[in-house]
Amino acid sequence: MSVIDELVEANARYADGFDKGGLAMPPGRHVAVVTCMDARLVPARMLGLKEGMRTSSATPADGSRTRCARSSSLSACWARTR
């Protein structure tokens, strides 16, 4: 089985058991978390946040302020984060 097949299968299992559809779309804690794209990091777990509490955005570690500002602006407008 290829990695893509494994990911699609895992996503199907996740979707079958997904029970968070009743959560409000804007995050409950009104926070956005911007991190680098380090695969070792799990921002929600690091900060003690659960589904529905935050939006997340991962940006390349090249110090791109433009990408970070864009992600933060979109989150503030769309998800009413602070």
N, C-alpha and C. Protein backbone atom coordinates (compact mmCIF):
# COMPACT_ATOMS: atom_id res chain seq x y z
N MET A 1 0.86 -1.18 0.00
CA MET A 1 0.00 0.00 0.00
C MET A 1 0.91 1.24 0.00
N SER A 2 0.58 2.20 -0.85
CA SER A 2 1.38 3.43 -0.92
C SER A 2 1.05 4.36 0.25
N VAL A 3 1.90 5.33 0.46
CA VAL A 3 1.66 6.31 1.52
C VAL A 3 0.35 7.05 1.26
N ILE A 4 0.10 7.40 0.02
CA ILE A 4 -1.15 8.10 -0.31
C ILE A 4 -2.35 7.24 0.04
N ASP A 5 -2.29 5.96 -0.31
CA ASP A 5 -3.38 5.04 0.04
C ASP A 5 -3.60 4.99 1.55
N GLU A 6 -2.50 4.94 2.30
CA GLU A 6 -2.60 4.92 3.76
C GLU A 6 -3.26 6.20 4.29
N LEU A 7 -2.88 7.34 3.72
CA LEU A 7 -3.46 8.62 4.15
C LEU A 7 -4.95 8.71 3.82
N VAL A 8 -5.31 8.25 2.63
CA VAL A 8 -6.72 8.26 2.23
C VAL A 8 -7.53 7.34 3.14
N GLU A 9 -6.98 6.18 3.45
CA GLU A 9 -7.66 5.24 4.35
C GLU A 9 -7.81 5.84 5.76
N ALA A 10 -6.75 6.45 6.25
CA ALA A 10 -6.81 7.09 7.58
C ALA A 10 -7.83 8.22 7.60
N ASN A 11 -7.88 8.99 6.52
CA ASN A 11 -8.86 10.08 6.44
C ASN A 11 -10.28 9.55 6.43
N ALA A 12 -10.50 8.45 5.74
CA ALA A 12 -11.84 7.85 5.71
C ALA A 12 -12.26 7.39 7.10
N ARG A 13 -11.33 6.78 7.84
CA ARG A 13 -11.64 6.36 9.21
C ARG A 13 -11.95 7.58 10.09
N TYR A 14 -11.16 8.63 9.94
CA TYR A 14 -11.37 9.86 10.71
C TYR A 14 -12.75 10.45 10.39
N ALA A 15 -13.07 10.53 9.11
CA ALA A 15 -14.35 11.10 8.68
C ALA A 15 -15.52 10.27 9.20
N ASP A 16 -15.39 8.95 9.18
CA ASP A 16 -16.46 8.08 9.67
C ASP A 16 -16.76 8.32 11.15
N GLY A 17 -15.72 8.61 11.93
CA GLY A 17 -15.91 8.81 13.36
C GLY A 17 -15.99 10.27 13.78
N PHE A 18 -16.00 11.18 12.81
CA PHE A 18 -15.98 12.61 13.13
C PHE A 18 -17.28 13.02 13.81
N ASP A 19 -17.16 13.58 15.00
CA ASP A 19 -18.35 13.98 15.76
C ASP A 19 -18.25 15.43 16.25
N LYS A 20 -17.43 16.22 15.56
CA LYS A 20 -17.22 17.61 15.98
C LYS A 20 -17.96 18.60 15.09
N GLY A 21 -18.85 18.13 14.24
CA GLY A 21 -19.56 19.00 13.31
C GLY A 21 -20.42 20.05 13.98
N GLY A 22 -20.78 19.83 15.24
CA GLY A 22 -21.61 20.79 15.95
C GLY A 22 -20.83 21.95 16.54
N LEU A 23 -19.50 21.89 16.49
CA LEU A 23 -18.71 23.00 17.02
C LEU A 23 -18.89 24.25 16.16
N ALA A 24 -18.87 25.39 16.79
CA ALA A 24 -18.99 26.66 16.04
C ALA A 24 -17.77 26.81 15.13
N MET A 25 -17.98 27.42 13.98
CA MET A 25 -16.89 27.58 13.03
C MET A 25 -15.82 28.55 13.53
N PRO A 26 -16.15 29.72 14.04
CA PRO A 26 -15.08 30.53 14.61
C PRO A 26 -14.53 29.81 15.84
N PRO A 27 -13.22 29.83 16.03
CA PRO A 27 -12.66 29.10 17.16
C PRO A 27 -13.14 29.62 18.50
N GLY A 28 -13.43 28.71 19.41
CA GLY A 28 -13.98 29.07 20.72
C GLY A 28 -13.05 29.93 21.55
N ARG A 29 -11.75 29.78 21.40
CA ARG A 29 -10.80 30.58 22.18
C ARG A 29 -10.39 31.84 21.44
N HIS A 30 -10.85 32.02 20.21
CA HIS A 30 -10.55 33.21 19.39
C HIS A 30 -9.06 33.43 19.22
N VAL A 31 -8.31 32.36 19.04
CA VAL A 31 -6.87 32.48 18.82
C VAL A 31 -6.48 31.80 17.52
N ALA A 32 -5.45 32.35 16.92
CA ALA A 32 -4.81 31.73 15.76
C ALA A 32 -3.39 31.40 16.17
N VAL A 33 -2.93 30.24 15.77
CA VAL A 33 -1.58 29.80 16.08
C VAL A 33 -0.80 29.74 14.78
N VAL A 34 0.30 30.46 14.72
CA VAL A 34 1.18 30.44 13.55
C VAL A 34 2.47 29.77 13.96
N THR A 35 2.82 28.71 13.28
CA THR A 35 4.06 27.98 13.57
C THR A 35 4.84 27.77 12.28
N CYS A 36 6.04 27.27 12.44
CA CYS A 36 6.80 26.86 11.26
C CYS A 36 6.27 25.50 10.81
N MET A 37 6.74 25.04 9.68
CA MET A 37 6.24 23.78 9.12
C MET A 37 7.01 22.57 9.64
N ASP A 38 7.53 22.63 10.82
CA ASP A 38 8.29 21.54 11.42
C ASP A 38 7.34 20.38 11.72
N ALA A 39 7.55 19.25 11.07
CA ALA A 39 6.66 18.10 11.22
C ALA A 39 6.67 17.52 12.63
N ARG A 40 7.66 17.89 13.42
CA ARG A 40 7.75 17.37 14.79
C ARG A 40 6.82 18.11 15.74
N LEU A 41 6.31 19.25 15.32
CA LEU A 41 5.47 20.07 16.20
C LEU A 41 3.99 19.75 16.02
N VAL A 42 3.28 19.68 17.11
CA VAL A 42 1.83 19.52 17.10
C VAL A 42 1.30 20.69 17.95
N PRO A 43 1.07 21.85 17.30
CA PRO A 43 0.75 23.06 18.04
C PRO A 43 -0.41 22.93 19.03
N ALA A 44 -1.48 22.30 18.65
CA ALA A 44 -2.62 22.17 19.56
C ALA A 44 -2.21 21.41 20.81
N ARG A 45 -1.48 20.33 20.64
CA ARG A 45 -1.04 19.53 21.78
C ARG A 45 -0.06 20.33 22.66
N MET A 46 0.84 21.08 22.02
CA MET A 46 1.81 21.87 22.78
C MET A 46 1.12 22.91 23.66
N LEU A 47 0.02 23.45 23.17
CA LEU A 47 -0.66 24.54 23.87
C LEU A 47 -1.89 24.11 24.65
N GLY A 48 -2.19 22.82 24.65
CA GLY A 48 -3.34 22.32 25.39
C GLY A 48 -4.68 22.70 24.77
N LEU A 49 -4.70 22.88 23.45
CA LEU A 49 -5.93 23.26 22.76
C LEU A 49 -6.56 22.05 22.08
N LYS A 50 -7.87 22.02 22.06
CA LYS A 50 -8.60 20.92 21.44
C LYS A 50 -9.30 21.42 20.18
N GLU A 51 -9.96 20.50 19.47
CA GLU A 51 -10.68 20.87 18.27
C GLU A 51 -11.66 21.99 18.58
N GLY A 52 -11.76 22.93 17.67
CA GLY A 52 -12.72 24.02 17.81
C GLY A 52 -12.24 25.19 18.64
N MET A 53 -11.02 25.11 19.20
CA MET A 53 -10.52 26.19 20.04
C MET A 53 -9.64 27.19 19.30
N ARG A 54 -9.08 26.80 18.14
CA ARG A 54 -8.14 27.67 17.47
C ARG A 54 -8.10 27.39 15.97
N THR A 55 -7.54 28.33 15.22
CA THR A 55 -7.18 28.06 13.85
C THR A 55 -5.67 27.90 13.84
N SER A 56 -5.15 27.20 12.86
CA SER A 56 -3.71 26.98 12.77
C SER A 56 -3.22 27.30 11.38
N SER A 57 -2.00 27.79 11.32
CA SER A 57 -1.36 28.06 10.05
C SER A 57 0.11 27.73 10.19
N ALA A 58 0.62 26.94 9.28
CA ALA A 58 2.05 26.61 9.29
C ALA A 58 2.71 27.33 8.13
N THR A 59 3.76 28.05 8.41
CA THR A 59 4.48 28.79 7.37
C THR A 59 5.90 28.27 7.26
N PRO A 60 6.51 28.42 6.08
CA PRO A 60 7.90 27.97 5.92
C PRO A 60 8.82 28.71 6.89
N ALA A 61 9.89 28.05 7.26
CA ALA A 61 10.82 28.63 8.24
C ALA A 61 11.81 29.60 7.60
N ASP A 62 11.39 30.26 6.54
CA ASP A 62 12.30 31.20 5.89
C ASP A 62 12.11 32.63 6.38
N GLY A 63 11.35 32.79 7.44
CA GLY A 63 11.15 34.13 8.00
C GLY A 63 10.22 34.99 7.17
N SER A 64 9.33 34.38 6.41
CA SER A 64 8.45 35.13 5.52
C SER A 64 7.37 35.87 6.31
N ARG A 65 7.60 37.13 6.53
CA ARG A 65 6.62 37.95 7.26
C ARG A 65 5.34 38.12 6.45
N THR A 66 5.48 38.14 5.14
CA THR A 66 4.30 38.33 4.28
C THR A 66 3.33 37.17 4.44
N ARG A 67 3.84 35.95 4.41
CA ARG A 67 2.97 34.78 4.58
C ARG A 67 2.32 34.76 5.96
N CYS A 68 3.09 35.09 6.95
CA CYS A 68 2.58 35.11 8.32
C CYS A 68 1.50 36.18 8.47
N ALA A 69 1.76 37.36 7.94
CA ALA A 69 0.78 38.45 8.02
C ALA A 69 -0.49 38.08 7.27
N ARG A 70 -0.34 37.46 6.10
CA ARG A 70 -1.52 37.05 5.33
C ARG A 70 -2.34 36.02 6.09
N SER A 71 -1.69 35.02 6.65
CA SER A 71 -2.40 33.99 7.42
C SER A 71 -3.11 34.60 8.62
N SER A 72 -2.44 35.48 9.33
CA SER A 72 -3.04 36.12 10.50
C SER A 72 -4.21 37.00 10.11
N SER A 73 -4.08 37.73 9.01
CA SER A 73 -5.16 38.60 8.54
C SER A 73 -6.38 37.80 8.14
N LEU A 74 -6.16 36.71 7.41
CA LEU A 74 -7.28 35.86 7.01
C LEU A 74 -7.98 35.27 8.22
N SER A 75 -7.22 34.84 9.19
CA SER A 75 -7.81 34.27 10.40
C SER A 75 -8.61 35.32 11.15
N ALA A 76 -8.08 36.52 11.25
CA ALA A 76 -8.79 37.60 11.96
C ALA A 76 -10.09 37.95 11.27
N CYS A 77 -10.07 38.01 9.95
CA CYS A 77 -11.28 38.37 9.20
C CYS A 77 -12.29 37.22 9.16
N TRP A 78 -11.81 36.04 8.81
CA TRP A 78 -12.70 34.92 8.59
C TRP A 78 -13.13 34.24 9.88
N ALA A 79 -12.18 34.06 10.80
CA ALA A 79 -12.49 33.29 12.01
C ALA A 79 -12.60 34.16 13.26
N ARG A 80 -12.50 35.46 13.09
CA ARG A 80 -12.62 36.42 14.20
C ARG A 80 -11.65 36.12 15.34
N THR A 81 -10.42 35.78 14.97
CA THR A 81 -9.41 35.56 15.99
C THR A 81 -8.75 36.89 16.36
N ARG A 82 -8.10 36.89 17.51
CA ARG A 82 -7.39 38.09 17.96
C ARG A 82 -5.90 37.86 17.88
